[in-house]
Protein backbone atom coordinates (compact mmCIF):
# COMPACT_ATOMS: atom_id res chain seq x y z
CA MET A 1 -0.44 -38.59 -49.71
CA PRO A 2 0.42 -42.38 -51.07
CA ILE A 3 3.84 -42.70 -53.61
CA GLU A 4 2.62 -43.94 -57.32
CA LEU A 5 4.39 -45.42 -60.12
CA TYR A 6 4.04 -43.74 -63.17
CA GLU A 7 5.24 -44.56 -67.06
CA THR A 8 6.05 -41.39 -68.85
CA MET A 9 6.95 -41.45 -72.36
CA TYR A 10 8.97 -38.36 -74.30
CA VAL A 11 9.55 -37.73 -77.54
CA LEU A 12 12.86 -35.60 -78.92
CA ASP A 13 14.26 -34.42 -80.66
CA ALA A 14 15.98 -36.62 -82.96
CA GLY A 15 19.01 -34.42 -84.15
CA LYS A 16 19.82 -32.78 -80.58
CA MET A 17 20.22 -35.89 -79.25
CA SER A 18 22.91 -36.68 -81.24
CA SER A 19 24.98 -34.22 -79.96
CA GLU A 20 22.95 -33.03 -76.39
CA ALA A 21 21.91 -36.77 -75.32
CA ASP A 22 23.79 -36.52 -71.92
CA ALA A 23 22.07 -33.20 -70.93
CA ILE A 24 18.15 -33.93 -72.16
CA LYS A 25 18.33 -37.02 -70.09
CA THR A 26 19.78 -34.59 -66.77
CA ALA A 27 17.26 -31.75 -67.48
CA ILE A 28 14.63 -34.98 -68.11
CA HIS A 29 15.78 -36.74 -64.63
CA THR A 30 16.09 -32.98 -62.29
CA ALA A 31 13.12 -32.14 -63.36
CA ILE A 32 11.23 -35.78 -61.71
CA GLU A 33 13.91 -35.61 -58.57
CA LYS A 34 12.86 -31.85 -58.14
CA GLN A 35 9.66 -32.91 -57.23
CA GLY A 36 10.69 -35.36 -55.31
CA GLY A 37 9.80 -38.50 -57.15
CA GLU A 38 12.73 -42.14 -57.59
CA ILE A 39 13.77 -43.03 -60.99
CA VAL A 40 13.45 -46.47 -60.95
CA VAL A 41 14.48 -47.11 -64.84
CA SER A 42 14.93 -45.28 -67.74
CA ARG A 43 16.09 -46.09 -70.99
CA PRO A 44 15.66 -45.38 -74.63
CA TRP A 45 12.90 -47.01 -76.25
CA ASN A 46 13.45 -46.28 -80.03
CA GLU A 47 15.91 -43.99 -82.24
CA ASN A 48 14.97 -42.05 -84.60
CA GLN A 49 11.51 -43.43 -84.98
CA LYS A 50 9.99 -41.78 -88.25
CA LEU A 51 6.82 -40.00 -86.78
CA ALA A 52 3.69 -40.46 -88.36
CA TYR A 53 3.04 -36.76 -88.77
CA PRO A 54 5.57 -33.90 -88.33
CA ILE A 55 5.82 -32.53 -84.78
CA LYS A 56 7.23 -29.04 -84.38
CA LYS A 57 8.89 -29.67 -88.30
CA GLN A 58 10.66 -32.94 -86.99
CA LYS A 59 9.85 -35.47 -89.00
CA LYS A 60 12.36 -38.50 -86.38
CA GLY A 61 11.57 -38.89 -82.90
CA TYR A 62 13.61 -40.49 -79.74
CA PHE A 63 11.49 -42.87 -78.07
CA HIS A 64 12.66 -42.23 -73.70
CA ILE A 65 10.60 -44.45 -71.21
CA VAL A 66 11.09 -43.10 -67.31
CA TYR A 67 9.44 -45.04 -64.79
CA TYR A 68 9.49 -43.28 -62.16
CA LYS A 69 7.48 -43.50 -58.13
CA MET A 70 6.00 -40.14 -57.10
CA GLU A 71 3.54 -38.88 -54.91
CA SER A 72 0.16 -37.65 -57.07
CA THR A 73 -0.11 -34.35 -56.10
CA LYS A 74 3.58 -33.73 -57.33
CA GLN A 75 3.41 -34.44 -61.30
CA ALA A 76 1.49 -31.62 -62.52
CA ALA A 77 3.97 -29.44 -60.86
CA MET A 78 6.64 -32.05 -62.09
CA GLU A 79 5.27 -32.01 -65.91
CA SER A 80 5.30 -27.58 -65.85
CA ASP A 81 8.30 -27.34 -64.87
CA LEU A 82 9.21 -30.37 -67.97
CA ARG A 83 7.62 -28.03 -69.53
CA LEU A 84 9.84 -24.51 -68.99
CA SER A 85 12.92 -26.01 -68.83
CA ALA A 86 13.25 -28.84 -72.37
CA THR A 87 10.98 -26.50 -74.61
CA GLU A 88 13.90 -26.94 -77.76
CA TYR A 89 13.42 -30.35 -77.84
CA LEU A 90 10.87 -31.99 -75.99
CA LEU A 91 8.54 -32.90 -78.89
CA ARG A 92 5.63 -34.65 -77.21
CA HIS A 93 5.00 -36.93 -73.62
CA LEU A 94 2.49 -39.02 -72.10
CA THR A 95 2.14 -39.63 -68.55
CA SER A 96 1.16 -43.27 -67.35
CA HIS A 97 -0.46 -44.13 -64.30
CA VAL A 98 0.59 -47.85 -63.67
CA ASP A 99 -1.80 -50.03 -61.32
CA SER A 100 0.19 -51.04 -58.45
CA ARG A 101 -1.12 -55.56 -60.12
CA TYR A 102 0.87 -54.72 -62.89
CA ALA A 103 4.22 -52.38 -61.53
CA ASP A 104 6.25 -55.26 -61.44
CA VAL A 105 5.78 -57.36 -64.35
CA MET A 106 6.16 -53.83 -66.09
CA LEU A 107 8.92 -53.86 -64.24
CA GLN A 108 10.35 -56.54 -65.01
CA ILE A 109 10.04 -56.50 -68.87
CA ALA A 110 11.86 -52.45 -68.63
CA ARG A 111 14.78 -53.52 -67.49
CA GLU A 112 15.53 -55.89 -69.75
CA GLU A 113 17.91 -55.16 -72.64
CA GLN A 114 14.60 -56.63 -75.15
CA GLY A 115 11.82 -55.53 -73.46
CA SER A 116 10.83 -52.71 -76.33
CA ALA A 117 11.09 -55.70 -78.22
CA PHE A 118 8.82 -58.29 -76.56
CA ALA A 119 6.03 -55.23 -76.19
CA LEU A 120 6.24 -54.32 -79.35
CA ARG A 121 6.33 -57.92 -80.57
CA GLY A 122 2.92 -57.68 -78.33
CA MET A 123 0.83 -55.12 -80.21
CA LYS A 124 1.07 -56.47 -83.29
CA ASP A 125 -2.56 -57.20 -84.20
CA GLU A 126 -3.88 -61.25 -84.27
CA PRO A 127 -6.63 -62.53 -84.93
CA SER A 128 -8.39 -63.18 -81.61
CA PRO A 129 -10.18 -66.62 -81.16
CA THR A 130 -13.94 -65.39 -80.64
CA ASP A 131 -13.09 -63.02 -84.24
CA ILE A 132 -15.18 -64.69 -86.95
CA THR A 133 -15.24 -63.05 -90.30
CA PRO A 134 -18.48 -63.32 -92.35
CA SER A 135 -17.71 -66.28 -94.16
CA VAL A 136 -18.32 -68.46 -91.10
CA ILE A 137 -21.13 -66.56 -90.67
CA ASN A 138 -23.18 -68.27 -92.88
CA ASP A 139 -21.78 -71.71 -92.87
CA PRO A 140 -22.95 -73.89 -90.49
CA GLY A 141 -20.54 -76.91 -91.18
CA ALA A 142 -18.41 -74.23 -90.05
CA GLY A 143 -19.53 -73.73 -87.12
CA GLY A 144 -20.68 -70.40 -88.30
CA VAL A 145 -24.01 -69.35 -87.34
CA PRO A 146 -26.21 -71.15 -89.85
CA ASP A 147 -28.28 -67.89 -92.31
CA MET A 148 -32.06 -67.89 -91.03
CA GLY A 149 -32.42 -65.40 -94.62
CA GLY A 150 -34.38 -62.83 -92.77
CA PRO A 151 -33.72 -59.87 -91.40
CA ILE A 152 -30.83 -59.37 -88.63
CA PRO A 153 -33.44 -58.47 -85.13
CA ASN A 154 -32.81 -55.92 -82.63
CA LEU A 155 -30.98 -56.57 -79.98
CA ASN A 156 -32.56 -54.05 -77.77
CA GLY A 157 -35.81 -55.23 -77.69
CA GLY A 158 -36.61 -53.27 -80.62
CA PRO A 159 -38.21 -53.61 -83.90
CA ALA A 160 -35.96 -54.61 -87.17
CA PRO A 161 -33.93 -51.61 -88.14
CA ALA A 162 -35.70 -51.39 -91.82
CA PRO A 163 -33.64 -51.63 -94.86
CA ARG A 164 -31.80 -49.65 -96.59
CA ARG A 165 -33.01 -47.92 -100.35
CA PRO A 166 -30.46 -48.12 -102.85
CA ARG A 167 -28.67 -45.12 -104.27
CA ARG A 168 -30.52 -42.71 -106.58
CA GLU A 169 -28.38 -42.11 -109.02
CA THR A 170 -28.59 -37.82 -110.21
CA ALA A 171 -29.38 -36.50 -112.78
CA GLU A 172 -26.68 -33.62 -114.09
CA LYS A 173 -27.59 -30.74 -114.14
CA PRO A 174 -28.56 -28.44 -117.08
CA GLU A 175 -26.00 -25.19 -117.50
């Protein structure tokens, strides 16, 4: 089997990371190396980040990211070992296979100290040049599509959908 590059993001208990950080990182690395994996990059991603919802009664998490090379057949066994040995401090984890076309760029960003800031900045919602707003659609002078005044045709070749009827107000039921 070929050796593939994987990325695993761990969400760890922030309270236990403050007191047992080295032991927890060693346990993660041991689980990977036990199955023949080679750790390429291991670094904290975000410390004491507020979680969107509580996980195992924890409101904050410590995010740690690890890039490693391993045979794909041993990936499931590694995750099983980690779940058994790290249940007290591992809140969640997500493993992704890194496509070989992007492996060099992702590892370069992960190795840099500002890599996490770069990745997070790249995830901001920015308008795409193909995004158009309703005001542009009806304004031919702004380069939008002129309003033809009729129903919008169905692009699948069928008839145009019927217009919606307005909601009917319901009367209160007598008691």
